[in-house]
Amino acid sequence: MQIAQIYSHLNGLEFLEARKPHLWAEIQSVIAGVNAASCLTKVSGEKNTLGKLVNSPKDLNIAFEQGFGSCQPPWVSVSTNYWVCEDANTNRKIVDLDFHQQKIEIELAGFKAISSKNQTDFVKDGVAVEVQFGKYSFIAYDLFVKHMAFYVADKINVGVEIIPMKSLQATMSSGPGYYEAELFNLVREGRGIPPVPLILIGLAA
């Protein structure tokens, strides 16, 4: 596969190029090593493409897992845990606290603490990569929630979101988000939102 477009939010790309060029090189190498043609394995059951072979999101994800997993050292899955409650003011107060202190503050405020977590598939040396071929809503969650959670928890310095261009999405079943639409959704929020350095990558076959 090839990188067709890149958008750097809050100097995410510039950070990687200057501070982690070896990781940026690895990301590009993994992308180049994925053969989209070999993932044309799903028989479409949809009206417009009935009976045709389309790209399988599952097989594409497996290919990326193999690519990132074969790096030395490999990129690994990482979780960040936190506590939440039903009160907005309390949640706002504890967002920057560590995991154990969050629970204490929630209970001191008189609320029940509920354990929650976010997980990202590929993390290495302060960089998180999400490869998203699922529903478009998952991309928004990655960009505005997941990467932010890891950034606030001081687990990453930049988040990378890899998604298909419209041309690649058209070879898949309907539903996955695509670069052009997600770029619009990101920039319309303003230059500082979300307040985490990001790199949005659009893939073509």
N, C-alpha and C. Protein backbone atom coordinates (compact mmCIF):
# COMPACT_ATOMS: atom_id res chain seq x y z
N MET A 1 0.86 -1.18 0.00
CA MET A 1 0.00 0.00 0.00
C MET A 1 0.89 1.23 0.00
N GLN A 2 0.30 2.36 -0.32
CA GLN A 2 1.07 3.58 -0.36
C GLN A 2 0.36 4.71 0.37
N ILE A 3 1.15 5.64 0.88
CA ILE A 3 0.60 6.83 1.52
C ILE A 3 0.21 7.82 0.44
N ALA A 4 -1.07 8.15 0.38
CA ALA A 4 -1.56 9.10 -0.63
C ALA A 4 -1.62 10.52 -0.09
N GLN A 5 -1.99 10.66 1.20
CA GLN A 5 -2.11 11.98 1.80
C GLN A 5 -1.70 11.92 3.27
N ILE A 6 -1.18 13.04 3.76
CA ILE A 6 -0.82 13.18 5.17
C ILE A 6 -1.28 14.54 5.67
N TYR A 7 -1.90 14.56 6.84
CA TYR A 7 -2.25 15.83 7.48
C TYR A 7 -1.61 15.84 8.86
N SER A 8 -0.87 16.90 9.15
CA SER A 8 -0.19 17.03 10.44
C SER A 8 -0.96 18.02 11.30
N HIS A 9 -1.44 17.53 12.44
CA HIS A 9 -2.20 18.35 13.38
C HIS A 9 -1.32 18.69 14.57
N LEU A 10 -1.20 19.97 14.88
CA LEU A 10 -0.35 20.44 15.98
C LEU A 10 1.08 19.89 15.86
N ASN A 11 1.59 19.93 14.62
CA ASN A 11 2.98 19.56 14.34
C ASN A 11 3.32 18.10 14.69
N GLY A 12 2.32 17.22 14.56
CA GLY A 12 2.57 15.81 14.84
C GLY A 12 3.64 15.22 13.94
N LEU A 13 3.54 15.49 12.63
CA LEU A 13 4.53 14.95 11.69
C LEU A 13 5.90 15.57 11.93
N GLU A 14 5.92 16.86 12.17
CA GLU A 14 7.19 17.54 12.41
C GLU A 14 7.89 16.97 13.65
N PHE A 15 7.10 16.63 14.66
CA PHE A 15 7.66 16.02 15.87
C PHE A 15 8.33 14.69 15.54
N LEU A 16 7.63 13.85 14.77
CA LEU A 16 8.20 12.55 14.43
C LEU A 16 9.46 12.70 13.59
N GLU A 17 9.41 13.57 12.60
CA GLU A 17 10.56 13.73 11.72
C GLU A 17 11.79 14.24 12.47
N ALA A 18 11.56 15.12 13.46
CA ALA A 18 12.67 15.71 14.19
C ALA A 18 13.13 14.85 15.36
N ARG A 19 12.19 14.25 16.10
CA ARG A 19 12.52 13.56 17.34
C ARG A 19 12.57 12.03 17.20
N LYS A 20 11.74 11.47 16.31
CA LYS A 20 11.64 10.01 16.19
C LYS A 20 11.68 9.59 14.72
N PRO A 21 12.69 10.01 13.98
CA PRO A 21 12.71 9.69 12.54
C PRO A 21 12.72 8.19 12.26
N HIS A 22 13.31 7.40 13.16
CA HIS A 22 13.35 5.95 12.96
C HIS A 22 11.96 5.33 13.06
N LEU A 23 11.10 5.91 13.92
CA LEU A 23 9.74 5.40 14.04
C LEU A 23 8.90 5.80 12.83
N TRP A 24 9.11 7.01 12.34
CA TRP A 24 8.41 7.45 11.14
C TRP A 24 8.81 6.56 9.96
N ALA A 25 10.08 6.20 9.88
CA ALA A 25 10.55 5.30 8.83
C ALA A 25 9.91 3.92 8.96
N GLU A 26 9.76 3.44 10.19
CA GLU A 26 9.13 2.13 10.40
C GLU A 26 7.67 2.15 9.97
N ILE A 27 6.96 3.21 10.33
CA ILE A 27 5.55 3.31 9.95
C ILE A 27 5.40 3.28 8.43
N GLN A 28 6.24 4.04 7.74
CA GLN A 28 6.18 4.06 6.28
C GLN A 28 6.53 2.69 5.70
N SER A 29 7.50 2.01 6.30
CA SER A 29 7.91 0.70 5.81
C SER A 29 6.80 -0.33 5.99
N VAL A 30 6.13 -0.31 7.14
CA VAL A 30 5.03 -1.25 7.38
C VAL A 30 3.91 -1.03 6.36
N ILE A 31 3.57 0.23 6.12
CA ILE A 31 2.51 0.54 5.14
C ILE A 31 2.89 0.02 3.76
N ALA A 32 4.13 0.27 3.34
CA ALA A 32 4.59 -0.16 2.02
C ALA A 32 4.59 -1.68 1.90
N GLY A 33 4.73 -2.38 3.02
CA GLY A 33 4.79 -3.83 2.99
C GLY A 33 3.45 -4.54 2.96
N VAL A 34 2.36 -3.79 3.10
CA VAL A 34 1.02 -4.40 3.07
C VAL A 34 0.52 -4.48 1.63
N ASN A 35 0.17 -5.65 1.19
CA ASN A 35 -0.32 -5.89 -0.17
C ASN A 35 -1.84 -5.91 -0.16
N ALA A 36 -2.44 -4.81 -0.61
CA ALA A 36 -3.91 -4.72 -0.58
C ALA A 36 -4.55 -5.77 -1.47
N ALA A 37 -3.90 -6.09 -2.58
CA ALA A 37 -4.47 -7.06 -3.52
C ALA A 37 -4.66 -8.42 -2.87
N SER A 38 -3.76 -8.77 -1.94
CA SER A 38 -3.87 -10.07 -1.27
C SER A 38 -5.01 -10.09 -0.26
N CYS A 39 -5.58 -8.92 0.02
CA CYS A 39 -6.68 -8.83 0.99
C CYS A 39 -8.04 -8.75 0.31
N LEU A 40 -8.06 -8.91 -1.02
CA LEU A 40 -9.33 -8.96 -1.74
C LEU A 40 -9.91 -10.36 -1.57
N THR A 41 -10.37 -10.65 -0.38
CA THR A 41 -10.78 -12.01 -0.02
C THR A 41 -12.23 -12.13 0.43
N LYS A 42 -12.92 -11.00 0.56
CA LYS A 42 -14.28 -11.02 1.08
C LYS A 42 -15.28 -10.95 -0.08
N VAL A 43 -16.21 -11.90 -0.12
CA VAL A 43 -17.25 -11.90 -1.14
C VAL A 43 -18.37 -10.97 -0.69
N SER A 44 -18.61 -9.95 -1.45
CA SER A 44 -19.60 -8.94 -1.07
C SER A 44 -21.03 -9.49 -1.15
N GLY A 45 -21.81 -9.13 -0.15
CA GLY A 45 -23.22 -9.48 -0.16
C GLY A 45 -24.10 -8.27 -0.35
N GLU A 46 -23.46 -7.13 -0.67
CA GLU A 46 -24.21 -5.88 -0.83
C GLU A 46 -24.72 -5.73 -2.27
N LYS A 47 -25.77 -4.98 -2.42
CA LYS A 47 -26.49 -4.89 -3.69
C LYS A 47 -25.60 -4.43 -4.84
N ASN A 48 -24.83 -3.37 -4.62
CA ASN A 48 -24.05 -2.79 -5.71
C ASN A 48 -22.82 -3.60 -6.09
N THR A 49 -22.36 -4.45 -5.20
CA THR A 49 -21.14 -5.24 -5.47
C THR A 49 -21.39 -6.73 -5.22
N LEU A 50 -22.60 -7.16 -5.33
CA LEU A 50 -22.99 -8.53 -4.99
C LEU A 50 -22.12 -9.55 -5.72
N GLY A 51 -21.50 -10.44 -4.95
CA GLY A 51 -20.72 -11.51 -5.53
C GLY A 51 -19.29 -11.15 -5.87
N LYS A 52 -18.93 -9.88 -5.80
CA LYS A 52 -17.57 -9.45 -6.14
C LYS A 52 -16.65 -9.56 -4.92
N LEU A 53 -15.36 -9.74 -5.19
CA LEU A 53 -14.38 -9.76 -4.12
C LEU A 53 -14.04 -8.33 -3.73
N VAL A 54 -14.11 -8.06 -2.43
CA VAL A 54 -13.77 -6.73 -1.91
C VAL A 54 -12.69 -6.89 -0.84
N ASN A 55 -12.04 -5.80 -0.51
CA ASN A 55 -11.00 -5.84 0.51
C ASN A 55 -11.60 -6.17 1.87
N SER A 56 -10.99 -7.10 2.55
CA SER A 56 -11.44 -7.54 3.86
C SER A 56 -10.76 -6.71 4.95
N PRO A 57 -11.52 -5.93 5.72
CA PRO A 57 -10.90 -5.18 6.83
C PRO A 57 -10.15 -6.08 7.80
N LYS A 58 -10.68 -7.27 8.02
CA LYS A 58 -10.03 -8.21 8.94
C LYS A 58 -8.64 -8.60 8.42
N ASP A 59 -8.55 -8.93 7.13
CA ASP A 59 -7.27 -9.33 6.56
C ASP A 59 -6.30 -8.16 6.49
N LEU A 60 -6.81 -6.96 6.22
CA LEU A 60 -5.96 -5.78 6.22
C LEU A 60 -5.38 -5.54 7.62
N ASN A 61 -6.22 -5.68 8.64
CA ASN A 61 -5.75 -5.49 10.01
C ASN A 61 -4.69 -6.53 10.38
N ILE A 62 -4.90 -7.76 9.95
CA ILE A 62 -3.92 -8.82 10.23
C ILE A 62 -2.58 -8.49 9.58
N ALA A 63 -2.63 -7.98 8.35
CA ALA A 63 -1.40 -7.62 7.64
C ALA A 63 -0.64 -6.53 8.39
N PHE A 64 -1.37 -5.54 8.91
CA PHE A 64 -0.71 -4.48 9.67
C PHE A 64 -0.18 -5.00 11.00
N GLU A 65 -0.93 -5.89 11.63
CA GLU A 65 -0.45 -6.49 12.88
C GLU A 65 0.85 -7.23 12.66
N GLN A 66 0.93 -7.97 11.57
CA GLN A 66 2.16 -8.70 11.26
C GLN A 66 3.30 -7.73 10.98
N GLY A 67 3.00 -6.63 10.27
CA GLY A 67 4.03 -5.67 9.94
C GLY A 67 4.60 -4.97 11.16
N PHE A 68 3.72 -4.44 12.01
CA PHE A 68 4.19 -3.75 13.20
C PHE A 68 4.81 -4.73 14.21
N GLY A 69 4.29 -5.95 14.22
CA GLY A 69 4.82 -6.94 15.14
C GLY A 69 6.19 -7.46 14.75
N SER A 70 6.55 -7.32 13.48
CA SER A 70 7.84 -7.82 13.00
C SER A 70 8.96 -6.80 13.17
N CYS A 71 8.62 -5.57 13.55
CA CYS A 71 9.65 -4.56 13.80
C CYS A 71 10.46 -4.96 15.03
N GLN A 72 11.68 -4.48 15.10
CA GLN A 72 12.55 -4.79 16.23
C GLN A 72 13.00 -3.52 16.94
N PRO A 73 12.57 -3.32 18.19
CA PRO A 73 11.58 -4.13 18.90
C PRO A 73 10.19 -3.91 18.31
N PRO A 74 9.26 -4.83 18.55
CA PRO A 74 7.93 -4.71 17.97
C PRO A 74 7.10 -3.61 18.61
N TRP A 75 6.12 -3.12 17.86
CA TRP A 75 5.12 -2.23 18.41
C TRP A 75 4.14 -3.09 19.21
N VAL A 76 3.70 -2.61 20.36
CA VAL A 76 2.86 -3.43 21.23
C VAL A 76 1.57 -2.71 21.61
N SER A 77 0.59 -3.51 22.00
CA SER A 77 -0.68 -2.97 22.48
C SER A 77 -0.52 -2.45 23.90
N VAL A 78 -1.09 -1.27 24.17
CA VAL A 78 -0.99 -0.65 25.49
C VAL A 78 -2.37 -0.15 25.91
N SER A 79 -2.67 -0.30 27.20
CA SER A 79 -3.92 0.20 27.76
C SER A 79 -3.65 1.33 28.74
N THR A 80 -4.59 2.25 28.85
CA THR A 80 -4.54 3.27 29.88
C THR A 80 -5.83 3.16 30.69
N ASN A 81 -5.69 3.08 32.01
CA ASN A 81 -6.84 2.89 32.89
C ASN A 81 -7.16 4.18 33.64
N TYR A 82 -8.43 4.42 33.88
CA TYR A 82 -8.85 5.62 34.58
C TYR A 82 -10.21 5.37 35.24
N TRP A 83 -10.59 6.29 36.12
CA TRP A 83 -11.88 6.20 36.82
C TRP A 83 -12.80 7.32 36.36
N VAL A 84 -14.10 7.04 36.31
CA VAL A 84 -15.10 8.03 35.93
C VAL A 84 -16.27 7.98 36.91
N CYS A 85 -17.09 9.01 36.87
CA CYS A 85 -18.33 9.03 37.67
C CYS A 85 -19.37 9.84 36.91
N GLU A 86 -20.55 9.98 37.50
CA GLU A 86 -21.65 10.65 36.79
C GLU A 86 -21.61 12.16 36.89
N ASP A 87 -20.68 12.71 37.69
CA ASP A 87 -20.65 14.16 37.91
C ASP A 87 -19.61 14.82 37.00
N ALA A 88 -20.04 15.76 36.17
CA ALA A 88 -19.14 16.42 35.21
C ALA A 88 -18.03 17.20 35.89
N ASN A 89 -18.36 17.92 36.94
CA ASN A 89 -17.34 18.73 37.63
C ASN A 89 -16.25 17.86 38.24
N THR A 90 -16.64 16.73 38.82
CA THR A 90 -15.66 15.83 39.40
C THR A 90 -14.78 15.20 38.33
N ASN A 91 -15.40 14.78 37.22
CA ASN A 91 -14.62 14.23 36.12
C ASN A 91 -13.61 15.25 35.60
N ARG A 92 -14.04 16.49 35.51
CA ARG A 92 -13.15 17.54 35.03
C ARG A 92 -11.99 17.76 36.01
N LYS A 93 -12.27 17.64 37.28
CA LYS A 93 -11.27 17.87 38.31
C LYS A 93 -10.19 16.80 38.33
N ILE A 94 -10.57 15.55 38.03
CA ILE A 94 -9.64 14.43 38.19
C ILE A 94 -8.92 14.03 36.91
N VAL A 95 -9.25 14.65 35.80
CA VAL A 95 -8.76 14.15 34.51
C VAL A 95 -7.24 14.07 34.43
N ASP A 96 -6.53 14.95 35.12
CA ASP A 96 -5.07 14.96 35.06
C ASP A 96 -4.41 14.22 36.22
N LEU A 97 -5.22 13.62 37.11
CA LEU A 97 -4.66 12.90 38.25
C LEU A 97 -4.29 11.47 37.85
N ASP A 98 -3.43 10.83 38.67
CA ASP A 98 -3.09 9.45 38.37
C ASP A 98 -4.26 8.53 38.73
N PHE A 99 -4.15 7.29 38.29
CA PHE A 99 -5.25 6.33 38.39
C PHE A 99 -5.78 6.18 39.82
N HIS A 100 -4.90 6.00 40.79
CA HIS A 100 -5.33 5.76 42.17
C HIS A 100 -5.93 7.02 42.80
N GLN A 101 -5.36 8.17 42.49
CA GLN A 101 -5.87 9.41 43.07
C GLN A 101 -7.24 9.77 42.50
N GLN A 102 -7.49 9.39 41.26
CA GLN A 102 -8.80 9.64 40.65
C GLN A 102 -9.91 8.99 41.47
N LYS A 103 -9.71 7.74 41.83
CA LYS A 103 -10.73 7.01 42.59
C LYS A 103 -10.95 7.67 43.95
N ILE A 104 -9.86 8.04 44.59
CA ILE A 104 -9.97 8.68 45.91
C ILE A 104 -10.79 9.96 45.82
N GLU A 105 -10.50 10.79 44.84
CA GLU A 105 -11.19 12.07 44.70
C GLU A 105 -12.66 11.89 44.37
N ILE A 106 -12.99 10.89 43.55
CA ILE A 106 -14.39 10.61 43.22
C ILE A 106 -15.16 10.20 44.48
N GLU A 107 -14.58 9.31 45.25
CA GLU A 107 -15.27 8.84 46.45
C GLU A 107 -15.35 9.92 47.51
N LEU A 108 -14.35 10.78 47.62
CA LEU A 108 -14.41 11.91 48.56
C LEU A 108 -15.52 12.89 48.17
N ALA A 109 -15.79 12.96 46.87
CA ALA A 109 -16.86 13.84 46.39
C ALA A 109 -18.24 13.22 46.57
N GLY A 110 -18.28 11.96 47.01
CA GLY A 110 -19.55 11.31 47.29
C GLY A 110 -20.14 10.53 46.13
N PHE A 111 -19.32 10.20 45.14
CA PHE A 111 -19.82 9.47 43.97
C PHE A 111 -19.18 8.09 43.88
N LYS A 112 -19.82 7.20 43.12
CA LYS A 112 -19.27 5.87 42.89
C LYS A 112 -18.26 5.93 41.75
N ALA A 113 -17.05 5.40 41.99
CA ALA A 113 -16.01 5.38 40.98
C ALA A 113 -16.19 4.17 40.06
N ILE A 114 -16.18 4.40 38.76
CA ILE A 114 -16.36 3.35 37.77
C ILE A 114 -15.06 3.21 36.97
N SER A 115 -14.49 2.02 36.98
CA SER A 115 -13.23 1.77 36.27
C SER A 115 -13.48 1.71 34.76
N SER A 116 -12.59 2.36 34.01
CA SER A 116 -12.69 2.36 32.55
C SER A 116 -11.30 2.31 31.96
N LYS A 117 -11.21 2.05 30.66
CA LYS A 117 -9.89 2.02 30.03
C LYS A 117 -10.00 2.25 28.53
N ASN A 118 -8.88 2.67 27.95
CA ASN A 118 -8.72 2.76 26.51
C ASN A 118 -7.54 1.89 26.12
N GLN A 119 -7.63 1.30 24.94
CA GLN A 119 -6.53 0.45 24.47
C GLN A 119 -6.19 0.81 23.04
N THR A 120 -4.92 0.91 22.76
CA THR A 120 -4.47 1.15 21.39
C THR A 120 -3.56 0.00 20.97
N ASP A 121 -3.60 -0.35 19.69
CA ASP A 121 -2.96 -1.57 19.23
C ASP A 121 -1.45 -1.48 19.06
N PHE A 122 -0.96 -0.32 18.63
CA PHE A 122 0.46 -0.22 18.31
C PHE A 122 1.08 1.00 18.99
N VAL A 123 1.92 0.76 19.98
CA VAL A 123 2.60 1.83 20.70
C VAL A 123 4.08 1.51 20.79
N LYS A 124 4.90 2.54 20.61
CA LYS A 124 6.34 2.36 20.71
C LYS A 124 7.00 3.71 20.97
N ASP A 125 7.74 3.78 22.05
CA ASP A 125 8.56 4.96 22.37
C ASP A 125 7.78 6.27 22.26
N GLY A 126 6.58 6.29 22.86
CA GLY A 126 5.81 7.52 22.91
C GLY A 126 4.98 7.83 21.68
N VAL A 127 4.85 6.88 20.77
CA VAL A 127 4.05 7.07 19.55
C VAL A 127 2.98 5.98 19.49
N ALA A 128 1.73 6.39 19.28
CA ALA A 128 0.62 5.44 19.17
C ALA A 128 0.09 5.44 17.74
N VAL A 129 -0.13 4.26 17.19
CA VAL A 129 -0.65 4.11 15.84
C VAL A 129 -1.96 3.33 15.90
N GLU A 130 -2.99 3.90 15.29
CA GLU A 130 -4.26 3.20 15.12
C GLU A 130 -4.50 2.99 13.63
N VAL A 131 -4.76 1.75 13.24
CA VAL A 131 -5.13 1.43 11.86
C VAL A 131 -6.62 1.16 11.86
N GLN A 132 -7.38 2.00 11.16
CA GLN A 132 -8.82 1.95 11.31
C GLN A 132 -9.51 1.70 9.98
N PHE A 133 -10.02 0.48 9.82
CA PHE A 133 -10.81 0.12 8.65
C PHE A 133 -12.24 -0.21 9.07
N GLY A 134 -12.62 0.18 10.29
CA GLY A 134 -13.96 -0.07 10.79
C GLY A 134 -14.91 1.07 10.47
N LYS A 135 -16.01 1.12 11.19
CA LYS A 135 -17.02 2.15 10.98
C LYS A 135 -16.42 3.55 11.19
N TYR A 136 -16.97 4.53 10.48
CA TYR A 136 -16.45 5.89 10.55
C TYR A 136 -16.46 6.45 11.97
N SER A 137 -17.40 5.99 12.79
CA SER A 137 -17.49 6.51 14.16
C SER A 137 -16.27 6.11 14.99
N PHE A 138 -15.64 4.98 14.63
CA PHE A 138 -14.45 4.54 15.36
C PHE A 138 -13.28 5.51 15.16
N ILE A 139 -13.20 6.11 13.98
CA ILE A 139 -12.12 7.05 13.70
C ILE A 139 -12.26 8.28 14.58
N ALA A 140 -13.47 8.81 14.70
CA ALA A 140 -13.69 9.97 15.56
C ALA A 140 -13.33 9.65 17.00
N TYR A 141 -13.66 8.44 17.44
CA TYR A 141 -13.33 8.04 18.81
C TYR A 141 -11.81 8.00 18.99
N ASP A 142 -11.11 7.46 17.99
CA ASP A 142 -9.65 7.43 18.07
C ASP A 142 -9.08 8.84 18.18
N LEU A 143 -9.52 9.72 17.30
CA LEU A 143 -8.94 11.06 17.21
C LEU A 143 -9.27 11.94 18.40
N PHE A 144 -10.50 11.88 18.86
CA PHE A 144 -10.95 12.83 19.88
C PHE A 144 -11.00 12.25 21.29
N VAL A 145 -10.88 10.92 21.42
CA VAL A 145 -10.94 10.30 22.74
C VAL A 145 -9.70 9.47 23.04
N LYS A 146 -9.43 8.46 22.22
CA LYS A 146 -8.38 7.49 22.55
C LYS A 146 -6.99 8.12 22.56
N HIS A 147 -6.60 8.80 21.47
CA HIS A 147 -5.28 9.43 21.44
C HIS A 147 -5.15 10.47 22.56
N MET A 148 -6.24 11.18 22.82
CA MET A 148 -6.22 12.19 23.88
C MET A 148 -6.00 11.54 25.24
N ALA A 149 -6.65 10.42 25.50
CA ALA A 149 -6.50 9.73 26.78
C ALA A 149 -5.05 9.32 27.01
N PHE A 150 -4.41 8.80 25.99
CA PHE A 150 -3.01 8.39 26.12
C PHE A 150 -2.08 9.60 26.26
N TYR A 151 -2.42 10.67 25.59
CA TYR A 151 -1.60 11.89 25.68
C TYR A 151 -1.70 12.51 27.07
N VAL A 152 -2.91 12.62 27.59
CA VAL A 152 -3.11 13.18 28.93
C VAL A 152 -2.45 12.31 29.98
N ALA A 153 -2.47 10.99 29.76
CA ALA A 153 -1.85 10.06 30.71
C ALA A 153 -0.32 10.03 30.56
N ASP A 154 0.21 10.83 29.66
CA ASP A 154 1.66 10.93 29.42
C ASP A 154 2.25 9.62 28.93
N LYS A 155 1.45 8.85 28.16
CA LYS A 155 1.94 7.61 27.59
C LYS A 155 2.43 7.80 26.16
N ILE A 156 1.97 8.87 25.49
CA ILE A 156 2.41 9.15 24.13
C ILE A 156 2.67 10.64 23.96
N ASN A 157 3.42 10.96 22.92
CA ASN A 157 3.66 12.35 22.52
C ASN A 157 2.94 12.70 21.23
N VAL A 158 2.58 11.68 20.46
CA VAL A 158 1.89 11.91 19.19
C VAL A 158 1.06 10.68 18.84
N GLY A 159 -0.09 10.90 18.22
CA GLY A 159 -0.94 9.81 17.76
C GLY A 159 -1.00 9.77 16.24
N VAL A 160 -0.99 8.59 15.67
CA VAL A 160 -1.03 8.41 14.22
C VAL A 160 -2.28 7.61 13.87
N GLU A 161 -3.08 8.12 12.96
CA GLU A 161 -4.31 7.46 12.52
C GLU A 161 -4.18 7.10 11.05
N ILE A 162 -4.23 5.80 10.74
CA ILE A 162 -4.10 5.31 9.37
C ILE A 162 -5.45 4.85 8.88
N ILE A 163 -5.95 5.49 7.81
CA ILE A 163 -7.28 5.19 7.29
C ILE A 163 -7.25 5.19 5.75
N PRO A 164 -8.25 4.59 5.12
CA PRO A 164 -8.25 4.54 3.65
C PRO A 164 -8.67 5.86 3.01
N MET A 165 -8.10 6.12 1.84
CA MET A 165 -8.64 7.18 1.00
C MET A 165 -9.99 6.71 0.46
N LYS A 166 -10.77 7.62 -0.09
CA LYS A 166 -12.06 7.25 -0.66
C LYS A 166 -11.90 6.20 -1.74
N SER A 167 -10.83 6.30 -2.53
CA SER A 167 -10.61 5.34 -3.61
C SER A 167 -10.40 3.93 -3.08
N LEU A 168 -9.72 3.79 -1.95
CA LEU A 168 -9.52 2.47 -1.35
C LEU A 168 -10.78 2.02 -0.63
N GLN A 169 -11.45 2.95 0.04
CA GLN A 169 -12.69 2.61 0.74
C GLN A 169 -13.73 2.07 -0.22
N ALA A 170 -13.70 2.55 -1.47
CA ALA A 170 -14.67 2.10 -2.47
C ALA A 170 -14.48 0.64 -2.84
N THR A 171 -13.31 0.07 -2.53
CA THR A 171 -13.06 -1.35 -2.82
C THR A 171 -13.40 -2.22 -1.62
N MET A 172 -14.01 -1.62 -0.59
CA MET A 172 -14.37 -2.35 0.62
C MET A 172 -15.89 -2.37 0.76
N SER A 173 -16.37 -3.12 1.74
CA SER A 173 -17.79 -3.07 2.04
C SER A 173 -18.14 -1.67 2.54
N SER A 174 -19.38 -1.27 2.42
CA SER A 174 -19.78 0.06 2.86
C SER A 174 -19.65 0.16 4.38
N GLY A 175 -19.38 1.35 4.85
CA GLY A 175 -19.30 1.56 6.29
C GLY A 175 -18.02 2.19 6.78
N PRO A 176 -16.83 1.74 6.31
CA PRO A 176 -15.59 2.33 6.82
C PRO A 176 -15.49 3.81 6.50
N GLY A 177 -14.88 4.55 7.42
CA GLY A 177 -14.63 5.95 7.16
C GLY A 177 -13.51 6.11 6.15
N TYR A 178 -13.32 7.33 5.65
CA TYR A 178 -12.26 7.57 4.69
C TYR A 178 -11.63 8.93 4.92
N TYR A 179 -10.41 9.09 4.41
CA TYR A 179 -9.54 10.22 4.72
C TYR A 179 -10.20 11.57 4.44
N GLU A 180 -10.75 11.74 3.26
CA GLU A 180 -11.26 13.05 2.88
C GLU A 180 -12.32 13.55 3.85
N ALA A 181 -13.24 12.67 4.25
CA ALA A 181 -14.31 13.07 5.17
C ALA A 181 -13.76 13.31 6.57
N GLU A 182 -12.85 12.46 7.01
CA GLU A 182 -12.32 12.61 8.37
C GLU A 182 -11.39 13.81 8.48
N LEU A 183 -10.71 14.15 7.39
CA LEU A 183 -9.91 15.38 7.38
C LEU A 183 -10.81 16.59 7.56
N PHE A 184 -11.94 16.61 6.88
CA PHE A 184 -12.90 17.70 7.03
C PHE A 184 -13.41 17.79 8.46
N ASN A 185 -13.75 16.64 9.04
CA ASN A 185 -14.25 16.62 10.41
C ASN A 185 -13.21 17.14 11.39
N LEU A 186 -11.95 16.84 11.12
CA LEU A 186 -10.88 17.28 12.02
C LEU A 186 -10.63 18.77 11.91
N VAL A 187 -10.51 19.29 10.69
CA VAL A 187 -10.13 20.71 10.55
C VAL A 187 -11.28 21.66 10.91
N ARG A 188 -12.51 21.21 10.77
CA ARG A 188 -13.62 22.10 11.10
C ARG A 188 -13.74 22.37 12.60
N GLU A 189 -13.07 21.54 13.42
CA GLU A 189 -13.08 21.75 14.86
C GLU A 189 -12.16 22.89 15.28
N GLY A 190 -11.27 23.30 14.38
CA GLY A 190 -10.33 24.38 14.70
C GLY A 190 -8.93 23.84 14.85
N ARG A 191 -7.95 24.71 14.78
CA ARG A 191 -6.55 24.30 14.74
C ARG A 191 -6.05 23.67 16.03
N GLY A 192 -6.71 23.96 17.16
CA GLY A 192 -6.23 23.46 18.44
C GLY A 192 -7.03 22.31 19.01
N ILE A 193 -7.98 21.76 18.26
CA ILE A 193 -8.85 20.70 18.77
C ILE A 193 -8.74 19.48 17.85
N PRO A 194 -8.46 18.32 18.42
CA PRO A 194 -8.17 18.04 19.83
C PRO A 194 -6.76 18.52 20.18
N PRO A 195 -6.51 18.84 21.45
CA PRO A 195 -5.21 19.38 21.85
C PRO A 195 -4.14 18.29 22.04
N VAL A 196 -3.92 17.51 21.00
CA VAL A 196 -2.90 16.46 21.01
C VAL A 196 -2.30 16.40 19.61
N PRO A 197 -0.98 16.32 19.47
CA PRO A 197 -0.36 16.21 18.14
C PRO A 197 -0.79 14.92 17.45
N LEU A 198 -1.23 15.05 16.21
CA LEU A 198 -1.74 13.91 15.47
C LEU A 198 -1.19 13.91 14.04
N ILE A 199 -1.16 12.72 13.45
CA ILE A 199 -0.86 12.57 12.03
C ILE A 199 -1.97 11.73 11.42
N LEU A 200 -2.66 12.28 10.45
CA LEU A 200 -3.72 11.56 9.74
C LEU A 200 -3.15 11.11 8.41
N ILE A 201 -3.17 9.79 8.17
CA ILE A 201 -2.59 9.21 6.96
C ILE A 201 -3.68 8.58 6.13
N GLY A 202 -3.75 8.97 4.85
CA GLY A 202 -4.69 8.38 3.91
C GLY A 202 -4.00 7.37 3.01
N LEU A 203 -4.53 6.14 2.96
CA LEU A 203 -3.90 5.07 2.19
C LEU A 203 -4.58 4.82 0.85
N ALA A 204 -3.75 4.50 -0.13
CA ALA A 204 -4.24 4.03 -1.42
C ALA A 204 -3.61 2.67 -1.70
N ALA A 205 -4.26 1.88 -2.56
CA ALA A 205 -3.75 0.54 -2.86
C ALA A 205 -2.51 0.64 -3.73
